[in-house]
Amino acid sequence: KEDKNAKEMLEIILPICRKVIFTSYEII
């Protein structure tokens, strides 16, 4: 979500990933 701390979240999750698919959503 746009207002979240994406950098810190990715720093935590990326080291355990071999493949990443970045995607998106827009919800009413």
PDB file of all heavy atoms in Angstrom:
ATOM      1  N   LYS A   1       0.836  -1.207   0.000  1.00  0.00           N
ATOM      2  CA  LYS A   1       0.000   0.000   0.000  1.00  0.00           C
ATOM      3  C   LYS A   1       0.871   1.258   0.000  1.00  0.00           C
ATOM      4  O   LYS A   1       1.930   1.298   0.627  1.00  0.00           O
ATOM      5  CB  LYS A   1      -0.921  -0.025   1.227  1.00  0.00           C
ATOM      6  CG  LYS A   1      -2.025   1.011   1.227  1.00  0.00           C
ATOM      7  CD  LYS A   1      -3.073   0.645   2.278  1.00  0.00           C
ATOM      8  CE  LYS A   1      -4.037   1.795   2.531  1.00  0.00           C
ATOM      9  NZ  LYS A   1      -3.565   2.709   3.560  1.00  0.00           N
ATOM     10  N   GLU A   2       0.395   2.277  -0.696  1.00  0.00           N
ATOM     11  CA  GLU A   2       1.202   3.470  -0.966  1.00  0.00           C
ATOM     12  C   GLU A   2       1.789   4.145   0.275  1.00  0.00           C
ATOM     13  O   GLU A   2       2.877   4.689   0.227  1.00  0.00           O
ATOM     14  CB  GLU A   2       0.368   4.499  -1.747  1.00  0.00           C
ATOM     15  CG  GLU A   2       0.357   4.265  -3.241  1.00  0.00           C
ATOM     16  CD  GLU A   2      -0.320   5.393  -3.997  1.00  0.00           C
ATOM     17  OE1 GLU A   2      -1.222   6.047  -3.443  1.00  0.00           O
ATOM     18  OE2 GLU A   2       0.057   5.634  -5.155  1.00  0.00           O
ATOM     19  N   ASP A   3       1.068   4.138   1.393  1.00  0.00           N
ATOM     20  CA  ASP A   3       1.544   4.886   2.560  1.00  0.00           C
ATOM     21  C   ASP A   3       2.442   4.068   3.488  1.00  0.00           C
ATOM     22  O   ASP A   3       2.817   4.531   4.563  1.00  0.00           O
ATOM     23  CB  ASP A   3       0.359   5.447   3.353  1.00  0.00           C
ATOM     24  CG  ASP A   3      -0.579   4.356   3.852  1.00  0.00           C
ATOM     25  OD1 ASP A   3      -0.413   3.190   3.442  1.00  0.00           O
ATOM     26  OD2 ASP A   3      -1.479   4.668   4.653  1.00  0.00           O
ATOM     27  N   LYS A   4       2.803   2.842   3.087  1.00  0.00           N
ATOM     28  CA  LYS A   4       3.605   1.985   3.954  1.00  0.00           C
ATOM     29  C   LYS A   4       5.102   2.155   3.690  1.00  0.00           C
ATOM     30  O   LYS A   4       5.512   2.663   2.650  1.00  0.00           O
ATOM     31  CB  LYS A   4       3.212   0.511   3.743  1.00  0.00           C
ATOM     32  CG  LYS A   4       1.756   0.193   4.066  1.00  0.00           C
ATOM     33  CD  LYS A   4       1.427   0.410   5.526  1.00  0.00           C
ATOM     34  CE  LYS A   4      -0.010   0.057   5.840  1.00  0.00           C
ATOM     35  NZ  LYS A   4      -0.321   0.219   7.272  1.00  0.00           N
ATOM     36  N   ASN A   5       5.917   1.694   4.659  1.00  0.00           N
ATOM     37  CA  ASN A   5       7.382   1.792   4.563  1.00  0.00           C
ATOM     38  C   ASN A   5       7.909   0.650   3.690  1.00  0.00           C
ATOM     39  O   ASN A   5       8.394  -0.369   4.184  1.00  0.00           O
ATOM     40  CB  ASN A   5       7.990   1.742   5.962  1.00  0.00           C
ATOM     41  CG  ASN A   5       9.489   2.011   5.946  1.00  0.00           C
ATOM     42  OD1 ASN A   5      10.140   1.888   4.917  1.00  0.00           O
ATOM     43  ND2 ASN A   5      10.040   2.380   7.089  1.00  0.00           N
ATOM     44  N   ALA A   6       7.792   0.831   2.378  1.00  0.00           N
ATOM     45  CA  ALA A   6       8.141  -0.235   1.435  1.00  0.00           C
ATOM     46  C   ALA A   6       9.619  -0.613   1.517  1.00  0.00           C
ATOM     47  O   ALA A   6       9.970  -1.802   1.423  1.00  0.00           O
ATOM     48  CB  ALA A   6       7.782   0.185   0.015  1.00  0.00           C
ATOM     49  N   LYS A   7      10.485   0.344   1.688  1.00  0.00           N
ATOM     50  CA  LYS A   7      11.924   0.057   1.691  1.00  0.00           C
ATOM     51  C   LYS A   7      12.287  -0.884   2.841  1.00  0.00           C
ATOM     52  O   LYS A   7      12.969  -1.895   2.637  1.00  0.00           O
ATOM     53  CB  LYS A   7      12.731   1.347   1.791  1.00  0.00           C
ATOM     54  CG  LYS A   7      14.248   1.130   1.738  1.00  0.00           C
ATOM     55  CD  LYS A   7      14.990   2.450   1.668  1.00  0.00           C
ATOM     56  CE  LYS A   7      16.499   2.234   1.535  1.00  0.00           C
ATOM     57  NZ  LYS A   7      17.100   1.733   2.792  1.00  0.00           N
ATOM     58  N   GLU A   8      11.837  -0.570   4.027  1.00  0.00           N
ATOM     59  CA  GLU A   8      12.174  -1.411   5.176  1.00  0.00           C
ATOM     60  C   GLU A   8      11.539  -2.795   5.046  1.00  0.00           C
ATOM     61  O   GLU A   8      12.158  -3.804   5.393  1.00  0.00           O
ATOM     62  CB  GLU A   8      11.721  -0.747   6.479  1.00  0.00           C
ATOM     63  CG  GLU A   8      12.299  -1.422   7.716  1.00  0.00           C
ATOM     64  CD  GLU A   8      12.017  -0.661   9.000  1.00  0.00           C
ATOM     65  OE1 GLU A   8      11.644   0.527   8.933  1.00  0.00           O
ATOM     66  OE2 GLU A   8      12.164  -1.276  10.072  1.00  0.00           O
ATOM     67  N   MET A   9      10.314  -2.836   4.526  1.00  0.00           N
ATOM     68  CA  MET A   9       9.637  -4.127   4.340  1.00  0.00           C
ATOM     69  C   MET A   9      10.398  -4.999   3.342  1.00  0.00           C
ATOM     70  O   MET A   9      10.598  -6.198   3.579  1.00  0.00           O
ATOM     71  CB  MET A   9       8.203  -3.904   3.881  1.00  0.00           C
ATOM     72  CG  MET A   9       7.293  -3.336   4.970  1.00  0.00           C
ATOM     73  SD  MET A   9       5.699  -2.793   4.334  1.00  0.00           S
ATOM     74  CE  MET A   9       4.965  -4.343   3.820  1.00  0.00           C
ATOM     75  N   LEU A  10      10.831  -4.396   2.240  1.00  0.00           N
ATOM     76  CA  LEU A  10      11.570  -5.160   1.227  1.00  0.00           C
ATOM     77  C   LEU A  10      12.940  -5.600   1.744  1.00  0.00           C
ATOM     78  O   LEU A  10      13.411  -6.696   1.421  1.00  0.00           O
ATOM     79  CB  LEU A  10      11.722  -4.345  -0.051  1.00  0.00           C
ATOM     80  CG  LEU A  10      10.438  -4.106  -0.852  1.00  0.00           C
ATOM     81  CD1 LEU A  10      10.721  -3.248  -2.083  1.00  0.00           C
ATOM     82  CD2 LEU A  10       9.782  -5.416  -1.263  1.00  0.00           C
ATOM     83  N   GLU A  11      13.587  -4.773   2.536  1.00  0.00           N
ATOM     84  CA  GLU A  11      14.881  -5.159   3.118  1.00  0.00           C
ATOM     85  C   GLU A  11      14.754  -6.421   3.964  1.00  0.00           C
ATOM     86  O   GLU A  11      15.679  -7.223   4.052  1.00  0.00           O
ATOM     87  CB  GLU A  11      15.438  -4.015   3.966  1.00  0.00           C
ATOM     88  CG  GLU A  11      16.043  -2.888   3.153  1.00  0.00           C
ATOM     89  CD  GLU A  11      16.523  -1.732   4.012  1.00  0.00           C
ATOM     90  OE1 GLU A  11      15.879  -1.426   5.035  1.00  0.00           O
ATOM     91  OE2 GLU A  11      17.537  -1.119   3.649  1.00  0.00           O
ATOM     92  N   ILE A  12      13.584  -6.607   4.567  1.00  0.00           N
ATOM     93  CA  ILE A  12      13.354  -7.774   5.427  1.00  0.00           C
ATOM     94  C   ILE A  12      13.018  -9.012   4.603  1.00  0.00           C
ATOM     95  O   ILE A  12      13.530 -10.097   4.861  1.00  0.00           O
ATOM     96  CB  ILE A  12      12.216  -7.471   6.437  1.00  0.00           C
ATOM     97  CG1 ILE A  12      12.640  -6.340   7.389  1.00  0.00           C
ATOM     98  CG2 ILE A  12      11.850  -8.732   7.231  1.00  0.00           C
ATOM     99  CD1 ILE A  12      11.496  -5.707   8.143  1.00  0.00           C
ATOM    100  N   ILE A  13      12.175  -8.872   3.596  1.00  0.00           N
ATOM    101  CA  ILE A  13      11.652 -10.034   2.873  1.00  0.00           C
ATOM    102  C   ILE A  13      12.570 -10.510   1.746  1.00  0.00           C
ATOM    103  O   ILE A  13      12.671 -11.709   1.475  1.00  0.00           O
ATOM    104  CB  ILE A  13      10.228  -9.752   2.323  1.00  0.00           C
ATOM    105  CG1 ILE A  13       9.577 -11.032   1.780  1.00  0.00           C
ATOM    106  CG2 ILE A  13      10.237  -8.671   1.253  1.00  0.00           C
ATOM    107  CD1 ILE A  13       9.270 -12.079   2.812  1.00  0.00           C
ATOM    108  N   LEU A  14      13.275  -9.602   1.060  1.00  0.00           N
ATOM    109  CA  LEU A  14      14.036  -9.992  -0.129  1.00  0.00           C
ATOM    110  C   LEU A  14      15.119 -11.040   0.132  1.00  0.00           C
ATOM    111  O   LEU A  14      15.337 -11.914  -0.711  1.00  0.00           O
ATOM    112  CB  LEU A  14      14.659  -8.756  -0.793  1.00  0.00           C
ATOM    113  CG  LEU A  14      13.671  -7.792  -1.471  1.00  0.00           C
ATOM    114  CD1 LEU A  14      14.410  -6.581  -2.029  1.00  0.00           C
ATOM    115  CD2 LEU A  14      12.881  -8.498  -2.573  1.00  0.00           C
ATOM    116  N   PRO A  15      15.835 -11.004   1.270  1.00  0.00           N
ATOM    117  CA  PRO A  15      16.905 -11.992   1.468  1.00  0.00           C
ATOM    118  C   PRO A  15      16.455 -13.451   1.450  1.00  0.00           C
ATOM    119  O   PRO A  15      17.290 -14.340   1.235  1.00  0.00           O
ATOM    120  CB  PRO A  15      17.478 -11.611   2.843  1.00  0.00           C
ATOM    121  CG  PRO A  15      17.220 -10.147   2.953  1.00  0.00           C
ATOM    122  CD  PRO A  15      15.880  -9.947   2.312  1.00  0.00           C
ATOM    123  N   ILE A  16      15.167 -13.746   1.657  1.00  0.00           N
ATOM    124  CA  ILE A  16      14.739 -15.157   1.634  1.00  0.00           C
ATOM    125  C   ILE A  16      14.113 -15.531   0.286  1.00  0.00           C
ATOM    126  O   ILE A  16      13.638 -16.650   0.112  1.00  0.00           O
ATOM    127  CB  ILE A  16      13.746 -15.472   2.775  1.00  0.00           C
ATOM    128  CG1 ILE A  16      12.407 -14.758   2.557  1.00  0.00           C
ATOM    129  CG2 ILE A  16      14.345 -15.154   4.126  1.00  0.00           C
ATOM    130  CD1 ILE A  16      11.290 -15.311   3.426  1.00  0.00           C
ATOM    131  N   CYS A  17      14.110 -14.599  -0.687  1.00  0.00           N
ATOM    132  CA  CYS A  17      13.441 -14.838  -1.966  1.00  0.00           C
ATOM    133  C   CYS A  17      14.429 -15.204  -3.067  1.00  0.00           C
ATOM    134  O   CYS A  17      15.492 -14.598  -3.175  1.00  0.00           O
ATOM    135  CB  CYS A  17      12.668 -13.591  -2.394  1.00  0.00           C
ATOM    136  SG  CYS A  17      11.378 -13.101  -1.236  1.00  0.00           S
ATOM    137  N   ARG A  18      14.055 -16.180  -3.902  1.00  0.00           N
ATOM    138  CA  ARG A  18      14.848 -16.492  -5.089  1.00  0.00           C
ATOM    139  C   ARG A  18      14.244 -15.829  -6.324  1.00  0.00           C
ATOM    140  O   ARG A  18      14.939 -15.570  -7.300  1.00  0.00           O
ATOM    141  CB  ARG A  18      14.910 -18.011  -5.300  1.00  0.00           C
ATOM    142  CG  ARG A  18      15.566 -18.763  -4.162  1.00  0.00           C
ATOM    143  CD  ARG A  18      16.982 -18.291  -3.890  1.00  0.00           C
ATOM    144  NE  ARG A  18      17.902 -18.577  -4.966  1.00  0.00           N
ATOM    145  CZ  ARG A  18      18.579 -19.698  -5.090  1.00  0.00           C
ATOM    146  NH1 ARG A  18      18.457 -20.655  -4.189  1.00  0.00           N
ATOM    147  NH2 ARG A  18      19.389 -19.883  -6.100  1.00  0.00           N
ATOM    148  N   LYS A  19      12.943 -15.590  -6.280  1.00  0.00           N
ATOM    149  CA  LYS A  19      12.254 -14.943  -7.395  1.00  0.00           C
ATOM    150  C   LYS A  19      11.207 -14.012  -6.818  1.00  0.00           C
ATOM    151  O   LYS A  19      10.539 -14.339  -5.829  1.00  0.00           O
ATOM    152  CB  LYS A  19      11.585 -15.996  -8.296  1.00  0.00           C
ATOM    153  CG  LYS A  19      10.812 -15.413  -9.473  1.00  0.00           C
ATOM    154  CD  LYS A  19      10.254 -16.551 -10.339  1.00  0.00           C
ATOM    155  CE  LYS A  19       9.463 -16.014 -11.519  1.00  0.00           C
ATOM    156  NZ  LYS A  19       8.949 -17.110 -12.388  1.00  0.00           N
ATOM    157  N   VAL A  20      11.064 -12.828  -7.413  1.00  0.00           N
ATOM    158  CA  VAL A  20      10.094 -11.841  -6.936  1.00  0.00           C
ATOM    159  C   VAL A  20       9.269 -11.346  -8.111  1.00  0.00           C
ATOM    160  O   VAL A  20       9.809 -11.050  -9.190  1.00  0.00           O
ATOM    161  CB  VAL A  20      10.796 -10.644  -6.246  1.00  0.00           C
ATOM    162  CG1 VAL A  20       9.811  -9.514  -5.996  1.00  0.00           C
ATOM    163  CG2 VAL A  20      11.408 -11.077  -4.926  1.00  0.00           C
ATOM    164  N   ILE A  21       7.966 -11.276  -7.900  1.00  0.00           N
ATOM    165  CA  ILE A  21       7.071 -10.642  -8.871  1.00  0.00           C
ATOM    166  C   ILE A  21       6.404  -9.457  -8.168  1.00  0.00           C
ATOM    167  O   ILE A  21       5.628  -9.650  -7.226  1.00  0.00           O
ATOM    168  CB  ILE A  21       5.997 -11.615  -9.386  1.00  0.00           C
ATOM    169  CG1 ILE A  21       6.649 -12.860  -9.999  1.00  0.00           C
ATOM    170  CG2 ILE A  21       5.104 -10.912 -10.412  1.00  0.00           C
ATOM    171  CD1 ILE A  21       5.659 -13.932 -10.424  1.00  0.00           C
ATOM    172  N   PHE A  22       6.764  -8.259  -8.600  1.00  0.00           N
ATOM    173  CA  PHE A  22       6.113  -7.068  -8.051  1.00  0.00           C
ATOM    174  C   PHE A  22       4.813  -6.830  -8.813  1.00  0.00           C
ATOM    175  O   PHE A  22       4.782  -6.855 -10.049  1.00  0.00           O
ATOM    176  CB  PHE A  22       7.018  -5.837  -8.183  1.00  0.00           C
ATOM    177  CG  PHE A  22       8.221  -5.876  -7.281  1.00  0.00           C
ATOM    178  CD1 PHE A  22       9.502  -5.765  -7.799  1.00  0.00           C
ATOM    179  CD2 PHE A  22       8.074  -6.011  -5.914  1.00  0.00           C
ATOM    180  CE1 PHE A  22      10.617  -5.797  -6.980  1.00  0.00           C
ATOM    181  CE2 PHE A  22       9.179  -6.051  -5.070  1.00  0.00           C
ATOM    182  CZ  PHE A  22      10.450  -5.940  -5.601  1.00  0.00           C
ATOM    183  N   THR A  23       3.726  -6.617  -8.078  1.00  0.00           N
ATOM    184  CA  THR A  23       2.429  -6.384  -8.707  1.00  0.00           C
ATOM    185  C   THR A  23       1.732  -5.207  -8.031  1.00  0.00           C
ATOM    186  O   THR A  23       2.365  -4.464  -7.273  1.00  0.00           O
ATOM    187  CB  THR A  23       1.577  -7.668  -8.676  1.00  0.00           C
ATOM    188  OG1 THR A  23       0.406  -7.478  -9.457  1.00  0.00           O
ATOM    189  CG2 THR A  23       1.193  -8.067  -7.258  1.00  0.00           C
ATOM    190  N   SER A  24       0.454  -5.014  -8.311  1.00  0.00           N
ATOM    191  CA  SER A  24      -0.241  -3.832  -7.784  1.00  0.00           C
ATOM    192  C   SER A  24      -1.729  -4.105  -7.652  1.00  0.00           C
ATOM    193  O   SER A  24      -2.246  -5.131  -8.109  1.00  0.00           O
ATOM    194  CB  SER A  24      -0.014  -2.634  -8.709  1.00  0.00           C
ATOM    195  OG  SER A  24      -0.558  -2.898  -9.993  1.00  0.00           O
ATOM    196  N   TYR A  25      -2.423  -3.174  -7.014  1.00  0.00           N
ATOM    197  CA  TYR A  25      -3.884  -3.219  -6.921  1.00  0.00           C
ATOM    198  C   TYR A  25      -4.422  -1.796  -6.765  1.00  0.00           C
ATOM    199  O   TYR A  25      -3.710  -0.877  -6.342  1.00  0.00           O
ATOM    200  CB  TYR A  25      -4.342  -4.082  -5.735  1.00  0.00           C
ATOM    201  CG  TYR A  25      -3.821  -3.622  -4.385  1.00  0.00           C
ATOM    202  CD1 TYR A  25      -4.401  -2.563  -3.697  1.00  0.00           C
ATOM    203  CD2 TYR A  25      -2.722  -4.259  -3.794  1.00  0.00           C
ATOM    204  CE1 TYR A  25      -3.912  -2.141  -2.475  1.00  0.00           C
ATOM    205  CE2 TYR A  25      -2.222  -3.835  -2.569  1.00  0.00           C
ATOM    206  CZ  TYR A  25      -2.831  -2.777  -1.910  1.00  0.00           C
ATOM    207  OH  TYR A  25      -2.342  -2.358  -0.710  1.00  0.00           O
ATOM    208  N   GLU A  26      -5.653  -1.637  -7.143  1.00  0.00           N
ATOM    209  CA  GLU A  26      -6.392  -0.399  -6.891  1.00  0.00           C
ATOM    210  C   GLU A  26      -7.824  -0.815  -6.562  1.00  0.00           C
ATOM    211  O   GLU A  26      -8.513  -1.425  -7.380  1.00  0.00           O
ATOM    212  CB  GLU A  26      -6.378   0.528  -8.102  1.00  0.00           C
ATOM    213  CG  GLU A  26      -7.084   1.855  -7.839  1.00  0.00           C
ATOM    214  CD  GLU A  26      -6.906   2.862  -8.962  1.00  0.00           C
ATOM    215  OE1 GLU A  26      -5.834   2.829  -9.608  1.00  0.00           O
ATOM    216  OE2 GLU A  26      -7.840   3.660  -9.193  1.00  0.00           O
ATOM    217  N   ILE A  27      -8.237  -0.525  -5.340  1.00  0.00           N
ATOM    218  CA  ILE A  27      -9.506  -1.033  -4.832  1.00  0.00           C
ATOM    219  C   ILE A  27     -10.386   0.129  -4.383  1.00  0.00           C
ATOM    220  O   ILE A  27      -9.911   1.067  -3.731  1.00  0.00           O
ATOM    221  CB  ILE A  27      -9.260  -1.986  -3.646  1.00  0.00           C
ATOM    222  CG1 ILE A  27      -8.465  -3.201  -4.119  1.00  0.00           C
ATOM    223  CG2 ILE A  27     -10.575  -2.430  -3.011  1.00  0.00           C
ATOM    224  CD1 ILE A  27      -7.869  -4.014  -3.009  1.00  0.00           C
ATOM    225  N   ILE A  28     -11.658   0.062  -4.737  1.00  0.00           N
ATOM    226  CA  ILE A  28     -12.623   1.035  -4.213  1.00  0.00           C
ATOM    227  C   ILE A  28     -13.255   0.424  -2.975  1.00  0.00           C
ATOM    228  O   ILE A  28     -13.993  -0.555  -3.053  1.00  0.00           O
ATOM    229  CB  ILE A  28     -13.705   1.383  -5.261  1.00  0.00           C
ATOM    230  CG1 ILE A  28     -13.052   2.001  -6.501  1.00  0.00           C
ATOM    231  CG2 ILE A  28     -14.726   2.343  -4.670  1.00  0.00           C
ATOM    232  CD1 ILE A  28     -14.020   2.242  -7.645  1.00  0.00           C
TER     233      ILE A  28
END
